[in-house]
């Protein structure tokens, strides 16, 4: 599980209390909710999951594709937050 930190996700964190994570492709909503609650000791209000397609990349004349991945957007209860590590 890896937290996604972009301008859009940072704005969602501050205004809506929603945090974005890259999760394993086999994970479902219930597993993500349990994992977030255990790791960060917070109450999860809701989880939304979407499958993201990998992008096509070029290295000179060679073309390849990055792997597909799954994104989870987690909404926390009022007044709770998750600290971003490394920033």
N, C-alpha and C. Protein backbone atom coordinates (compact mmCIF):
# COMPACT_ATOMS: atom_id res chain seq x y z
N UNK A 1 0.86 -1.17 0.00
CA UNK A 1 0.00 0.00 0.00
C UNK A 1 0.91 1.23 0.00
N UNK A 2 0.61 2.17 -0.89
CA UNK A 2 1.41 3.38 -1.02
C UNK A 2 0.47 4.56 -1.16
N UNK A 3 0.72 5.61 -0.39
CA UNK A 3 -0.12 6.80 -0.48
C UNK A 3 0.24 7.59 -1.73
N UNK A 4 -0.77 8.07 -2.44
CA UNK A 4 -0.57 8.86 -3.65
C UNK A 4 -0.64 10.33 -3.25
N UNK A 5 0.44 11.08 -3.54
CA UNK A 5 0.51 12.49 -3.17
C UNK A 5 0.67 13.32 -4.44
N UNK A 6 -0.40 14.01 -4.81
CA UNK A 6 -0.40 14.93 -5.94
C UNK A 6 -1.12 16.20 -5.50
N UNK A 7 -1.17 17.19 -6.38
CA UNK A 7 -1.89 18.42 -6.03
C UNK A 7 -3.37 18.14 -5.80
N UNK A 8 -3.95 17.32 -6.66
CA UNK A 8 -5.38 17.01 -6.54
C UNK A 8 -5.69 16.24 -5.26
N UNK A 9 -4.88 15.24 -4.94
CA UNK A 9 -5.14 14.47 -3.72
C UNK A 9 -4.88 15.29 -2.47
N UNK A 10 -3.89 16.20 -2.52
CA UNK A 10 -3.64 17.07 -1.37
C UNK A 10 -4.82 18.00 -1.11
N UNK A 11 -5.44 18.50 -2.18
CA UNK A 11 -6.61 19.36 -2.02
C UNK A 11 -7.78 18.57 -1.45
N UNK A 12 -7.96 17.32 -1.89
CA UNK A 12 -9.02 16.47 -1.36
C UNK A 12 -8.80 16.16 0.12
N UNK A 13 -7.55 15.98 0.51
CA UNK A 13 -7.25 15.70 1.91
C UNK A 13 -7.66 16.86 2.80
N UNK A 14 -7.33 18.08 2.37
CA UNK A 14 -7.61 19.25 3.20
C UNK A 14 -9.09 19.61 3.24
N UNK A 15 -9.79 19.50 2.12
CA UNK A 15 -11.18 19.95 2.08
C UNK A 15 -12.18 18.85 2.42
N UNK A 16 -11.97 17.64 1.90
CA UNK A 16 -12.97 16.58 2.04
C UNK A 16 -12.59 15.46 3.01
N UNK A 17 -11.34 15.42 3.42
CA UNK A 17 -10.89 14.33 4.29
C UNK A 17 -10.75 13.02 3.56
N UNK A 18 -10.41 13.06 2.25
CA UNK A 18 -10.24 11.85 1.44
C UNK A 18 -8.76 11.65 1.14
N UNK A 19 -8.30 10.42 1.30
CA UNK A 19 -6.90 10.08 1.07
C UNK A 19 -6.82 9.00 0.00
N UNK A 20 -5.85 9.10 -0.89
CA UNK A 20 -5.70 8.16 -2.01
C UNK A 20 -4.51 7.24 -1.78
N UNK A 21 -4.70 5.96 -2.11
CA UNK A 21 -3.66 4.95 -1.95
C UNK A 21 -3.60 4.05 -3.17
N UNK A 22 -2.39 3.60 -3.50
CA UNK A 22 -2.23 2.54 -4.48
C UNK A 22 -2.23 1.24 -3.71
N UNK A 23 -3.11 0.32 -4.06
CA UNK A 23 -3.25 -0.95 -3.33
C UNK A 23 -3.02 -2.11 -4.30
N UNK A 24 -2.87 -3.31 -3.74
CA UNK A 24 -2.67 -4.47 -4.60
C UNK A 24 -3.94 -4.73 -5.41
N UNK A 25 -3.78 -5.33 -6.57
CA UNK A 25 -4.91 -5.47 -7.50
C UNK A 25 -5.96 -6.45 -7.00
N UNK A 26 -5.62 -7.34 -6.08
CA UNK A 26 -6.58 -8.33 -5.58
C UNK A 26 -7.39 -7.81 -4.40
N UNK A 27 -7.06 -6.63 -3.86
CA UNK A 27 -7.73 -6.10 -2.67
C UNK A 27 -9.15 -5.64 -2.99
N UNK A 28 -10.05 -5.80 -2.01
CA UNK A 28 -11.41 -5.28 -2.16
C UNK A 28 -11.65 -4.19 -1.10
N UNK A 29 -12.83 -3.60 -1.10
CA UNK A 29 -13.12 -2.48 -0.21
C UNK A 29 -12.98 -2.84 1.26
N UNK A 30 -13.46 -4.01 1.64
CA UNK A 30 -13.42 -4.42 3.04
C UNK A 30 -11.99 -4.60 3.52
N UNK A 31 -11.14 -5.19 2.68
CA UNK A 31 -9.74 -5.40 3.05
C UNK A 31 -9.00 -4.07 3.17
N UNK A 32 -9.28 -3.14 2.25
CA UNK A 32 -8.64 -1.83 2.30
C UNK A 32 -9.06 -1.09 3.56
N UNK A 33 -10.35 -1.14 3.90
CA UNK A 33 -10.84 -0.46 5.10
C UNK A 33 -10.16 -1.00 6.35
N UNK A 34 -10.09 -2.33 6.48
CA UNK A 34 -9.45 -2.93 7.65
C UNK A 34 -7.97 -2.56 7.73
N UNK A 35 -7.29 -2.56 6.60
CA UNK A 35 -5.86 -2.25 6.58
C UNK A 35 -5.59 -0.80 6.99
N UNK A 36 -6.38 0.15 6.48
CA UNK A 36 -6.20 1.56 6.82
C UNK A 36 -6.48 1.79 8.30
N UNK A 37 -7.54 1.18 8.81
CA UNK A 37 -7.88 1.35 10.22
C UNK A 37 -6.80 0.78 11.14
N UNK A 38 -6.20 -0.34 10.75
CA UNK A 38 -5.14 -0.94 11.57
C UNK A 38 -3.83 -0.16 11.48
N UNK A 39 -3.45 0.24 10.26
CA UNK A 39 -2.16 0.91 10.08
C UNK A 39 -2.10 2.30 10.70
N UNK A 40 -3.19 3.07 10.53
CA UNK A 40 -3.16 4.47 10.93
C UNK A 40 -4.02 4.78 12.15
N UNK A 41 -4.71 3.81 12.71
CA UNK A 41 -5.58 3.98 13.89
C UNK A 41 -6.60 5.09 13.68
N UNK A 42 -7.36 5.00 12.60
CA UNK A 42 -8.41 5.97 12.27
C UNK A 42 -9.70 5.22 11.97
N UNK A 43 -10.82 5.96 11.92
CA UNK A 43 -12.11 5.38 11.54
C UNK A 43 -12.40 5.74 10.09
N UNK A 44 -12.64 4.72 9.27
CA UNK A 44 -12.90 4.92 7.85
C UNK A 44 -14.40 5.02 7.62
N UNK A 45 -14.82 6.07 6.95
CA UNK A 45 -16.23 6.30 6.67
C UNK A 45 -16.65 5.62 5.37
N UNK A 46 -15.77 5.62 4.36
CA UNK A 46 -16.10 5.00 3.08
C UNK A 46 -14.86 4.75 2.24
N UNK A 47 -14.99 3.79 1.31
CA UNK A 47 -13.89 3.44 0.42
C UNK A 47 -14.42 3.35 -1.00
N UNK A 48 -13.70 3.97 -1.93
CA UNK A 48 -14.00 3.84 -3.35
C UNK A 48 -12.76 3.31 -4.05
N UNK A 49 -12.97 2.34 -4.94
CA UNK A 49 -11.85 1.69 -5.62
C UNK A 49 -12.03 1.80 -7.12
N UNK A 50 -10.91 2.06 -7.82
CA UNK A 50 -10.94 2.08 -9.29
C UNK A 50 -9.69 1.40 -9.83
N UNK A 51 -9.86 0.71 -10.96
CA UNK A 51 -8.74 0.08 -11.64
C UNK A 51 -8.16 1.07 -12.63
N UNK A 52 -6.84 1.29 -12.56
CA UNK A 52 -6.15 2.23 -13.44
C UNK A 52 -5.35 1.45 -14.47
N UNK A 53 -5.46 1.86 -15.72
CA UNK A 53 -4.69 1.20 -16.78
C UNK A 53 -3.28 1.75 -16.81
N UNK A 54 -2.32 0.88 -17.11
CA UNK A 54 -0.93 1.30 -17.22
C UNK A 54 -0.73 2.14 -18.48
N UNK A 55 0.19 3.09 -18.41
CA UNK A 55 0.44 3.99 -19.53
C UNK A 55 1.46 3.37 -20.48
N UNK A 56 1.35 3.73 -21.76
CA UNK A 56 2.34 3.35 -22.75
C UNK A 56 3.54 4.27 -22.62
N UNK A 57 4.74 3.71 -22.65
CA UNK A 57 5.98 4.48 -22.53
C UNK A 57 6.93 4.11 -23.66
N UNK A 58 7.75 5.08 -24.06
CA UNK A 58 8.75 4.85 -25.10
C UNK A 58 10.14 5.06 -24.53
N UNK A 59 11.05 4.23 -24.95
CA UNK A 59 12.47 4.39 -24.67
C UNK A 59 13.16 4.30 -26.03
N UNK A 60 13.33 5.45 -26.67
CA UNK A 60 13.88 5.45 -28.01
C UNK A 60 12.89 4.83 -28.98
N UNK A 61 13.30 3.78 -29.66
CA UNK A 61 12.39 3.13 -30.61
C UNK A 61 11.60 2.00 -29.98
N UNK A 62 11.87 1.68 -28.74
CA UNK A 62 11.18 0.59 -28.05
C UNK A 62 9.96 1.13 -27.31
N UNK A 63 8.85 0.43 -27.48
CA UNK A 63 7.60 0.83 -26.84
C UNK A 63 7.21 -0.25 -25.83
N UNK A 64 6.81 0.18 -24.64
CA UNK A 64 6.38 -0.76 -23.61
C UNK A 64 5.23 -0.18 -22.83
N UNK A 65 4.68 -0.99 -21.96
CA UNK A 65 3.53 -0.55 -21.19
C UNK A 65 3.79 -0.78 -19.72
N UNK A 66 3.42 0.19 -18.90
CA UNK A 66 3.51 0.03 -17.45
C UNK A 66 2.36 -0.87 -17.00
N UNK A 67 2.51 -1.55 -15.87
CA UNK A 67 1.45 -2.46 -15.42
C UNK A 67 0.21 -1.71 -14.94
N UNK A 68 -0.94 -2.40 -15.04
CA UNK A 68 -2.18 -1.86 -14.49
C UNK A 68 -2.08 -1.85 -12.97
N UNK A 69 -2.85 -0.96 -12.32
CA UNK A 69 -2.82 -0.86 -10.86
C UNK A 69 -4.18 -0.45 -10.35
N UNK A 70 -4.36 -0.55 -9.03
CA UNK A 70 -5.64 -0.25 -8.41
C UNK A 70 -5.49 0.91 -7.45
N UNK A 71 -6.44 1.86 -7.51
CA UNK A 71 -6.41 3.03 -6.63
C UNK A 71 -7.61 2.98 -5.70
N UNK A 72 -7.35 3.29 -4.42
CA UNK A 72 -8.41 3.34 -3.41
C UNK A 72 -8.46 4.75 -2.84
N UNK A 73 -9.66 5.35 -2.82
CA UNK A 73 -9.87 6.65 -2.19
C UNK A 73 -10.66 6.40 -0.92
N UNK A 74 -10.04 6.77 0.21
CA UNK A 74 -10.59 6.47 1.53
C UNK A 74 -11.05 7.76 2.18
N UNK A 75 -12.32 7.79 2.63
CA UNK A 75 -12.83 8.95 3.35
C UNK A 75 -12.85 8.63 4.84
N UNK A 76 -12.24 9.51 5.62
CA UNK A 76 -12.15 9.31 7.06
C UNK A 76 -13.28 10.02 7.78
N UNK A 77 -13.50 9.63 9.02
CA UNK A 77 -14.50 10.29 9.86
C UNK A 77 -14.07 11.72 10.14
N UNK A 78 -15.02 12.56 10.55
CA UNK A 78 -14.75 13.97 10.83
C UNK A 78 -13.63 14.15 11.84
N UNK A 79 -12.72 15.08 11.55
CA UNK A 79 -11.66 15.43 12.48
C UNK A 79 -10.46 14.52 12.49
N UNK A 80 -10.43 13.48 11.66
CA UNK A 80 -9.31 12.57 11.63
C UNK A 80 -8.49 12.79 10.36
N UNK A 81 -7.19 12.49 10.45
CA UNK A 81 -6.33 12.64 9.28
C UNK A 81 -5.19 11.64 9.36
N UNK A 82 -4.47 11.51 8.24
CA UNK A 82 -3.33 10.62 8.13
C UNK A 82 -2.12 11.49 7.82
N UNK A 83 -1.03 11.26 8.54
CA UNK A 83 0.20 12.02 8.29
C UNK A 83 0.95 11.41 7.12
N UNK A 84 1.39 12.24 6.19
CA UNK A 84 2.16 11.80 5.04
C UNK A 84 3.61 11.64 5.46
N UNK A 85 4.16 10.45 5.25
CA UNK A 85 5.54 10.19 5.64
C UNK A 85 6.48 10.68 4.55
N UNK A 86 7.62 11.20 4.96
CA UNK A 86 8.64 11.59 4.01
C UNK A 86 8.53 13.02 3.51
N UNK A 87 7.50 13.74 3.90
CA UNK A 87 7.38 15.14 3.45
C UNK A 87 7.51 16.08 4.62
